[in-house]
Protein backbone atom coordinates (compact mmCIF):
# COMPACT_ATOMS: atom_id res chain seq x y z
CA GLN A 1 109.71 45.77 73.33
CA VAL A 2 110.36 42.61 71.36
CA GLN A 3 111.23 42.55 67.68
CA LEU A 4 110.53 39.47 65.58
CA VAL A 5 111.77 38.66 62.10
CA GLU A 6 110.54 35.59 60.23
CA SER A 7 112.32 33.85 57.39
CA GLY A 8 112.23 30.60 55.49
CA GLY A 9 108.98 30.86 53.60
CA GLY A 10 108.65 29.86 49.99
CA LEU A 11 107.16 27.40 47.56
CA VAL A 12 107.05 23.70 48.37
CA GLN A 13 105.37 20.75 46.71
CA PRO A 14 102.66 18.76 48.48
CA GLY A 15 104.30 16.23 50.75
CA GLY A 16 107.40 18.36 51.04
CA SER A 17 109.03 20.09 53.99
CA LEU A 18 109.91 23.62 54.95
CA ARG A 19 111.45 25.21 58.03
CA LEU A 20 110.54 28.67 59.20
CA SER A 21 112.68 30.72 61.55
CA CYS A 22 111.76 33.56 63.85
CA ALA A 23 114.60 35.65 65.24
CA ALA A 24 113.77 37.56 68.40
CA SER A 25 115.54 40.60 69.78
CA GLY A 26 114.92 43.25 72.39
CA SER A 27 113.39 42.34 75.76
CA ILE A 28 113.94 38.62 75.30
CA ASN A 29 113.78 37.83 79.00
CA SER A 30 110.22 39.14 79.20
CA ILE A 31 108.88 36.53 76.76
CA VAL A 32 106.61 33.94 78.38
CA VAL A 33 105.19 32.26 75.30
CA MET A 34 105.90 32.24 71.58
CA GLY A 35 104.00 30.79 68.71
CA TRP A 36 103.29 30.52 65.04
CA TYR A 37 100.08 31.72 63.49
CA ARG A 38 98.91 31.68 59.91
CA GLN A 39 96.42 33.47 57.76
CA ALA A 40 95.16 31.97 54.53
CA PRO A 41 93.54 34.13 51.85
CA GLY A 42 90.04 35.12 52.88
CA LYS A 43 90.36 33.53 56.31
CA GLN A 44 91.04 34.71 59.81
CA ARG A 45 94.43 34.35 61.39
CA GLU A 46 94.66 31.11 63.34
CA SER A 47 97.03 29.60 65.85
CA VAL A 48 99.26 26.86 64.51
CA THR A 49 101.42 26.09 67.51
CA THR A 50 102.73 27.67 70.68
CA ILE A 51 105.54 27.01 73.11
CA THR A 52 105.86 28.36 76.63
CA ARG A 53 109.02 29.47 78.33
CA GLY A 54 108.94 26.17 80.20
CA GLY A 55 108.78 24.20 76.96
CA THR A 56 105.11 23.23 76.94
CA THR A 57 103.84 22.99 73.39
CA ASN A 58 100.40 23.07 71.86
CA TYR A 59 99.39 22.29 68.27
CA ALA A 60 96.34 22.83 66.16
CA ASP A 61 94.68 19.56 65.22
CA SER A 62 95.30 20.27 61.56
CA VAL A 63 99.09 20.19 61.99
CA LYS A 64 99.59 17.62 64.75
CA GLY A 65 102.11 15.01 63.74
CA ARG A 66 103.34 17.11 60.83
CA PHE A 67 104.63 20.36 62.32
CA THR A 68 107.13 20.79 65.14
CA ILE A 69 107.94 23.94 67.06
CA SER A 70 111.33 24.33 68.68
CA GLY A 71 113.71 26.99 69.84
CA ASP A 72 117.38 27.76 70.18
CA ASN A 73 117.68 29.85 73.32
CA ALA A 74 121.33 30.63 72.70
CA LYS A 75 120.50 32.21 69.34
CA ASN A 76 117.06 33.57 70.33
CA ILE A 77 115.50 31.84 67.35
CA MET A 78 112.27 29.87 67.18
CA TYR A 79 111.66 27.34 64.44
CA LEU A 80 108.69 25.73 62.80
CA GLN A 81 109.51 22.50 61.02
CA MET A 82 106.74 21.66 58.59
CA ASN A 83 106.61 18.17 57.07
CA SER A 84 104.10 16.35 54.88
CA MET A 85 102.78 19.66 53.76
CA LYS A 86 99.38 20.03 52.18
CA PRO A 87 97.90 22.65 49.86
CA GLU A 88 95.74 23.82 52.74
CA ASP A 89 98.90 24.81 54.63
CA ARG A 90 99.27 27.67 52.19
CA ALA A 91 99.19 30.94 54.16
CA VAL A 92 101.18 33.81 55.48
CA TYR A 93 102.88 32.56 58.62
CA TYR A 94 103.44 34.92 61.51
CA CYS A 95 105.62 34.63 64.56
CA LYS A 96 104.20 35.96 67.81
CA ALA A 97 105.70 36.55 71.21
CA VAL A 98 103.93 37.45 74.43
CA GLY A 99 105.99 39.35 76.93
CA LEU A 100 105.28 39.90 80.61
CA LEU A 101 106.84 42.98 82.13
CA GLU A 102 105.80 44.59 85.40
CA ALA A 103 102.50 42.65 85.42
CA THR A 104 101.65 43.84 81.92
CA MET A 105 101.35 41.41 79.05
CA SER A 106 102.13 42.59 75.55
CA GLY A 107 101.91 40.81 72.22
CA TYR A 108 104.41 41.25 69.45
CA TRP A 109 104.14 40.11 65.83
CA GLY A 110 106.61 39.56 63.06
CA GLN A 111 106.01 40.78 59.54
CA GLY A 112 104.99 37.39 58.21
CA THR A 113 106.41 35.04 55.62
CA GLN A 114 104.52 33.51 52.71
CA VAL A 115 104.25 29.75 52.42
CA THR A 116 102.81 28.23 49.26
CA VAL A 117 102.16 24.53 48.79
CA SER A 118 101.62 23.67 45.18
CA SER A 119 102.76 21.26 42.51
């Protein structure tokens, strides 16, 4: 089992920056990929960015060049640095981890953190 707790959401003006954190605990060593997802009102949850255990990252076209995913392995925390934010970035942001244990893959979600971009 992996537990995830997000923090750092809030209100930011267009063009501003925000950093989200995702603290992981539990079966940390089973995690093979982590990522950030978001769900805007009335829309489906979408992938924002992912990072593999080996450090390979992937970004949605809508956030490339503006968002950066990173991690602190010593603290078991994953970050999402969001710059040049736009109103369309408004959503609930979720942290996700995929664990691999005894040939079984399991997905774990955090509770989500609200991000609002508005002047």
